């Protein structure tokens, strides 16, 4: 028995409609596309502030690691003088400096630190402005402007030129090591280039000396062009150098005066038998706070040397 043609057409249309409905349902059940993860605005703000040269910072040792830190009052003055840095925060750009710093502390982008040495060294009227040794502040991790230090906890982003330079140095080192196998023409180019640079430096020094002599003879004034060309830019002052030499000379003397007779085995063989109880009593009686004061003195001396070194670099 033949079915009517109209019924066949209705069935085809109904099946096609149900297929399209199922396709729409399956499309609606499909998971939405994942949007890109948006970076934290305070992270961007912290990176921008750290890369900015307007915020004065130093490096110190904290918990057996080197950290970069700054002072609370310097952070307040930086945000006040550079309000454009707060534009990164978008909706939170109207927050106060203290609120922004507290958010950075909550997000573990900053950590509040404190100086290890809190006692004045004899002859000093105030503590070191930039201590070389820090420790984590044991109390509330909140922002403070008075005598407070804050260290960055995230790794600093390296610029592109520094990355390229890290690849360039090994290539340059390999090229220097392979200089003996260079072609003769390349060796001549390197030789003439080095000789030309040396001749240029000597010529500059000669012209500098002639100009100084002419100004001194004619005008009676001492005028040096390029006054720092022969100066030791990174050398510490005399006081810091003397302290460092005194400490290092003691270490060198200990090394030079060593002999096999002073080894542990030789000392143990030559020592007479000792009563353990008497040795323990003597060691407990010999313990005194002088050792602690000496360690504290060495630590403050190290901080003072680091500060002198930094100040000498800033002056140059």
Protein backbone atom coordinates (compact mmCIF):
# COMPACT_ATOMS: atom_id res chain seq x y z
CA UNK A 1 0.00 0.00 0.00
CA UNK A 2 1.48 3.31 -1.04
CA UNK A 3 1.76 6.13 1.42
CA UNK A 4 0.67 9.59 0.34
CA UNK A 5 3.34 11.96 -0.91
CA UNK A 6 2.26 14.75 1.49
CA UNK A 7 2.90 12.54 4.52
CA UNK A 8 6.41 11.77 3.28
CA UNK A 9 7.18 15.49 2.88
CA UNK A 10 5.83 16.28 6.35
CA UNK A 11 7.97 13.54 7.86
CA UNK A 12 11.10 14.82 6.10
CA UNK A 13 10.47 18.39 7.30
CA UNK A 14 9.79 17.18 10.84
CA UNK A 15 13.00 15.13 10.93
CA UNK A 16 15.05 18.03 9.59
CA UNK A 17 13.51 20.36 12.18
CA UNK A 18 14.25 17.96 15.01
CA UNK A 19 17.86 17.64 13.78
CA UNK A 20 18.32 21.41 13.76
CA UNK A 21 16.79 21.65 17.25
CA UNK A 22 19.15 18.96 18.51
CA UNK A 23 22.08 20.83 16.94
CA UNK A 24 21.04 24.03 18.71
CA UNK A 25 20.68 22.16 21.99
CA UNK A 26 24.08 20.56 21.60
CA UNK A 27 25.56 23.98 20.77
CA UNK A 28 23.99 25.48 23.87
CA UNK A 29 25.37 22.66 26.01
CA UNK A 30 28.92 23.24 24.72
CA UNK A 31 31.21 24.82 27.31
CA UNK A 32 31.97 28.51 26.79
CA UNK A 33 35.34 29.57 25.48
CA UNK A 34 37.91 30.19 28.15
CA UNK A 35 38.97 33.78 28.39
CA UNK A 36 42.61 34.72 28.87
CA UNK A 37 43.69 34.89 32.49
CA UNK A 38 43.92 38.55 33.44
CA UNK A 39 47.05 39.48 35.32
CA UNK A 40 46.70 40.97 38.76
CA UNK A 41 46.71 44.77 38.60
CA UNK A 42 48.66 45.06 41.83
CA UNK A 43 51.28 42.70 40.40
CA UNK A 44 51.63 45.03 37.42
CA UNK A 45 51.85 48.00 39.76
CA UNK A 46 54.56 46.32 41.84
CA UNK A 47 56.61 45.46 38.74
CA UNK A 48 56.28 49.01 37.41
CA UNK A 49 57.33 50.55 40.72
CA UNK A 50 60.28 48.19 41.09
CA UNK A 51 61.54 48.92 37.57
CA UNK A 52 61.19 52.68 38.11
CA UNK A 53 64.43 54.47 39.00
CA UNK A 54 62.66 57.04 41.14
CA UNK A 55 62.31 54.65 44.09
CA UNK A 56 65.59 54.39 45.98
CA UNK A 57 66.41 50.83 47.00
CA UNK A 58 69.32 48.72 48.23
CA UNK A 59 70.31 45.06 48.44
CA UNK A 60 70.73 43.19 51.71
CA UNK A 61 70.95 39.68 53.13
CA UNK A 62 67.78 38.30 54.72
CA UNK A 63 67.26 34.69 55.77
CA UNK A 64 70.38 33.57 53.81
CA UNK A 65 69.12 35.22 50.62
CA UNK A 66 69.79 38.52 48.87
CA UNK A 67 66.74 40.78 48.64
CA UNK A 68 66.05 44.23 47.26
CA UNK A 69 64.39 46.51 49.77
CA UNK A 70 63.31 50.12 50.25
CA UNK A 71 62.20 52.38 53.08
CA UNK A 72 58.59 53.21 53.87
CA UNK A 73 59.06 56.96 53.69
CA UNK A 74 60.72 56.65 50.28
CA UNK A 75 57.70 54.71 49.00
CA UNK A 76 55.33 57.43 50.21
CA UNK A 77 57.34 60.19 48.53
CA UNK A 78 57.64 58.12 45.33
CA UNK A 79 53.90 57.60 44.98
CA UNK A 80 53.33 61.28 45.73
CA UNK A 81 55.81 62.42 43.07
CA UNK A 82 54.81 59.84 40.44
CA UNK A 83 51.00 59.55 40.48
CA UNK A 84 51.01 58.19 36.93
CA UNK A 85 52.13 54.81 38.30
CA UNK A 86 48.76 54.42 40.02
CA UNK A 87 46.95 54.48 36.65
CA UNK A 88 47.74 50.77 36.31
CA UNK A 89 45.36 50.01 39.19
CA UNK A 90 42.36 51.33 37.19
CA UNK A 91 39.44 51.27 39.67
CA UNK A 92 41.76 51.21 42.72
CA UNK A 93 43.90 54.13 41.61
CA UNK A 94 42.22 56.44 44.16
CA UNK A 95 43.43 54.39 47.12
CA UNK A 96 45.81 55.95 49.59
CA UNK A 97 49.48 55.00 49.61
CA UNK A 98 49.11 53.13 52.87
CA UNK A 99 46.16 51.11 51.55
CA UNK A 100 48.06 50.20 48.38
CA UNK A 101 51.06 49.04 50.39
CA UNK A 102 48.84 46.96 52.68
CA UNK A 103 47.29 45.25 49.66
CA UNK A 104 50.78 44.46 48.36
CA UNK A 105 51.61 42.97 51.74
CA UNK A 106 48.42 40.87 51.73
CA UNK A 107 49.21 39.55 48.25
CA UNK A 108 52.75 38.62 49.41
CA UNK A 109 54.33 40.95 46.89
CA UNK A 110 56.07 42.72 49.75
CA UNK A 111 57.30 41.66 53.16
CA UNK A 112 58.11 43.98 56.02
CA UNK A 113 61.65 43.65 57.36
CA UNK A 114 63.59 44.88 60.32
CA UNK A 115 67.27 45.48 60.93
CA UNK A 116 69.18 42.68 62.64
CA UNK A 117 71.47 44.97 64.63
CA UNK A 118 69.42 47.33 66.78
CA UNK A 119 72.18 48.57 69.10
CA UNK A 120 74.47 51.49 68.44
CA UNK A 121 78.12 50.79 67.85
CA UNK A 122 80.52 52.64 70.18
CA UNK A 123 81.26 56.04 68.73
CA UNK A 124 78.15 56.10 66.52
CA UNK A 125 75.24 58.47 67.09
CA UNK A 126 72.65 56.70 64.93
CA UNK A 127 71.98 53.36 63.29
CA UNK A 128 72.87 52.57 59.72
CA UNK A 129 70.54 54.16 57.18
CA UNK A 130 70.70 51.14 54.88
CA UNK A 131 71.51 48.00 56.92
CA UNK A 132 73.24 45.15 55.17
CA UNK A 133 71.47 42.42 57.20
CA UNK A 134 67.70 42.19 57.63
CA UNK A 135 65.18 39.86 59.21
CA UNK A 136 61.43 39.42 58.77
CA UNK A 137 59.38 41.70 60.99
CA UNK A 138 57.90 39.43 63.66
CA UNK A 139 54.88 41.58 64.50
CA UNK A 140 51.96 42.68 62.32
CA UNK A 141 52.78 42.87 58.62
CA UNK A 142 51.37 46.36 58.10
CA UNK A 143 52.73 49.39 56.31
CA UNK A 144 54.59 52.00 58.32
CA UNK A 145 56.41 55.10 57.23
CA UNK A 146 58.76 55.48 60.21
CA UNK A 147 61.88 53.30 60.33
CA UNK A 148 60.34 50.47 58.33
CA UNK A 149 61.88 48.44 55.50
CA UNK A 150 60.05 46.46 52.84
CA UNK A 151 61.56 43.84 50.53
CA UNK A 152 60.22 42.62 47.20
CA UNK A 153 59.30 38.94 47.22
CA UNK A 154 58.82 38.30 43.49
CA UNK A 155 61.54 37.77 40.93
CA UNK A 156 62.43 40.85 38.97
CA UNK A 157 61.62 40.81 35.28
CA UNK A 158 64.77 40.88 33.18
CA UNK A 159 64.83 43.31 30.23
CA UNK A 160 65.38 42.11 26.68
CA UNK A 161 68.86 43.59 26.37
CA UNK A 162 70.00 41.71 29.45
CA UNK A 163 68.73 38.43 28.01
CA UNK A 164 70.52 39.08 24.72
CA UNK A 165 73.68 40.04 26.61
CA UNK A 166 73.62 36.74 28.51
CA UNK A 167 73.81 34.93 25.16
CA UNK A 168 76.44 37.31 23.80
CA UNK A 169 79.03 36.82 26.56
CA UNK A 170 79.58 33.07 25.98
CA UNK A 171 79.93 33.72 22.25
CA UNK A 172 82.48 36.46 22.91
CA UNK A 173 84.41 34.21 25.30
CA UNK A 174 84.50 31.41 22.74
CA UNK A 175 85.62 33.85 20.05
CA UNK A 176 88.51 35.05 22.26
CA UNK A 177 89.59 31.47 22.98
CA UNK A 178 89.59 30.63 19.26
CA UNK A 179 91.72 33.64 18.33
CA UNK A 180 94.86 31.53 17.60
CA UNK A 181 93.05 29.68 14.79
CA UNK A 182 91.73 32.85 13.13
CA UNK A 183 92.77 33.58 9.55
CA UNK A 184 95.74 35.88 9.18
CA UNK A 185 93.62 38.76 7.89
CA UNK A 186 91.28 38.59 10.90
CA UNK A 187 94.26 38.63 13.26
CA UNK A 188 95.56 41.77 11.56
CA UNK A 189 92.16 43.45 11.89
CA UNK A 190 92.00 42.68 15.61
CA UNK A 191 95.60 43.83 16.11
CA UNK A 192 95.12 47.15 14.29
CA UNK A 193 91.83 47.79 16.07
CA UNK A 194 93.37 47.31 19.52
CA UNK A 195 96.37 49.45 18.53
CA UNK A 196 94.03 52.18 17.28
CA UNK A 197 92.04 52.21 20.53
CA UNK A 198 95.24 52.37 22.57
CA UNK A 199 96.57 55.22 20.41
CA UNK A 200 93.31 57.12 20.84
CA UNK A 201 93.49 56.81 24.64
CA UNK A 202 97.11 57.97 24.72
CA UNK A 203 96.30 60.88 22.41
CA UNK A 204 93.42 61.92 24.64
CA UNK A 205 95.67 61.88 27.70
CA UNK A 206 98.30 63.91 25.85
CA UNK A 207 95.81 66.56 24.72
CA UNK A 208 94.40 66.65 28.26
CA UNK A 209 97.87 67.27 29.73
CA UNK A 210 98.68 69.95 27.13
CA UNK A 211 95.39 71.77 27.84
CA UNK A 212 96.05 71.63 31.57
CA UNK A 213 99.57 73.00 31.15
CA UNK A 214 98.43 75.83 28.87
CA UNK A 215 95.63 76.88 31.24
CA UNK A 216 97.97 76.75 34.23
CA UNK A 217 100.72 78.82 32.52
CA UNK A 218 98.44 81.44 30.96
CA UNK A 219 95.68 81.80 33.55
CA UNK A 220 97.21 80.24 36.63
CA UNK A 221 94.22 77.91 37.03
CA UNK A 222 94.10 74.16 37.16
CA UNK A 223 91.49 72.92 34.72
CA UNK A 224 91.26 69.22 33.90
CA UNK A 225 89.21 67.91 31.01
CA UNK A 226 87.73 64.48 31.78
CA UNK A 227 88.80 64.70 35.43
CA UNK A 228 87.70 61.15 36.31
CA UNK A 229 89.32 59.36 33.39
CA UNK A 230 92.15 58.04 35.59
CA UNK A 231 90.20 57.86 38.86
CA UNK A 232 89.38 54.61 40.68
CA UNK A 233 85.59 54.91 40.50
CA UNK A 234 84.58 51.90 42.57
CA UNK A 235 87.30 52.08 45.23
CA UNK A 236 86.14 52.54 48.85
CA UNK A 237 87.44 55.29 51.08
CA UNK A 238 90.59 54.87 53.17
CA UNK A 239 88.80 53.99 56.43
CA UNK A 240 86.76 51.20 54.86
CA UNK A 241 89.82 49.89 53.02
CA UNK A 242 91.85 49.79 56.26
CA UNK A 243 89.13 47.86 58.11
CA UNK A 244 88.78 45.38 55.28
CA UNK A 245 92.55 44.89 55.05
CA UNK A 246 92.80 44.31 58.81
CA UNK A 247 90.12 41.61 58.72
CA UNK A 248 91.52 39.90 55.63
CA UNK A 249 95.11 40.01 56.91
CA UNK A 250 94.09 38.00 59.96
CA UNK A 251 92.58 35.31 57.73
CA UNK A 252 95.66 35.21 55.51
CA UNK A 253 97.97 34.92 58.52
CA UNK A 254 95.97 31.96 59.81
CA UNK A 255 96.37 30.23 56.46
CA UNK A 256 100.09 30.95 56.14
CA UNK A 257 100.92 29.90 59.69
CA UNK A 258 99.17 26.52 59.37
CA UNK A 259 101.27 23.37 59.51
CA UNK A 260 100.51 19.65 59.70
CA UNK A 261 101.47 19.70 63.39
CA UNK A 262 98.48 21.94 64.05
CA UNK A 263 96.04 19.50 62.48
CA UNK A 264 93.31 17.97 64.58
CA UNK A 265 94.99 14.57 64.76
CA UNK A 266 98.29 16.08 65.89
CA UNK A 267 96.60 18.19 68.55
CA UNK A 268 94.68 15.20 69.91
CA UNK A 269 97.85 13.12 70.15
CA UNK A 270 99.77 15.79 72.05
CA UNK A 271 96.95 16.67 74.45
CA UNK A 272 97.09 15.15 77.97
CA UNK A 273 94.04 13.20 79.21
CA UNK A 274 91.30 15.48 80.53
CA UNK A 275 88.46 14.71 82.95
CA UNK A 276 85.15 15.10 81.10
CA UNK A 277 83.30 16.51 84.13
CA UNK A 278 85.94 19.16 84.78
CA UNK A 279 86.05 20.09 81.11
CA UNK A 280 82.27 20.56 81.04
CA UNK A 281 82.35 22.75 84.15
CA UNK A 282 85.19 24.85 82.79
CA UNK A 283 83.44 25.33 79.44
CA UNK A 284 80.21 26.45 81.18
CA UNK A 285 82.14 28.87 83.41
CA UNK A 286 84.07 30.28 80.47
CA UNK A 287 80.89 31.20 78.57
CA UNK A 288 80.33 34.95 78.83
CA UNK A 289 78.43 37.68 76.94
CA UNK A 290 81.71 38.88 75.48
CA UNK A 291 81.29 36.49 72.56
CA UNK A 292 77.88 37.87 71.79
CA UNK A 293 79.16 41.42 71.91
CA UNK A 294 82.05 40.50 69.64
CA UNK A 295 79.70 38.88 67.11
CA UNK A 296 77.43 41.92 67.27
CA UNK A 297 80.44 44.16 66.75
CA UNK A 298 81.55 42.18 63.70
CA UNK A 299 78.07 42.38 62.24
CA UNK A 300 77.77 46.13 62.74
CA UNK A 301 81.26 46.52 61.31
CA UNK A 302 80.20 44.59 58.21
CA UNK A 303 77.14 46.80 57.81
CA UNK A 304 79.27 49.91 58.14
CA UNK A 305 81.68 48.63 55.49
CA UNK A 306 78.78 47.92 53.13
CA UNK A 307 77.39 51.40 53.74
CA UNK A 308 80.79 53.01 53.15
CA UNK A 309 81.17 51.04 49.94
CA UNK A 310 77.71 52.19 48.74
CA UNK A 311 78.38 55.81 49.64
CA UNK A 312 81.70 55.78 47.77
CA UNK A 313 79.97 54.43 44.66
CA UNK A 314 77.28 57.10 44.88
CA UNK A 315 79.87 59.87 45.17
CA UNK A 316 81.70 58.69 42.10
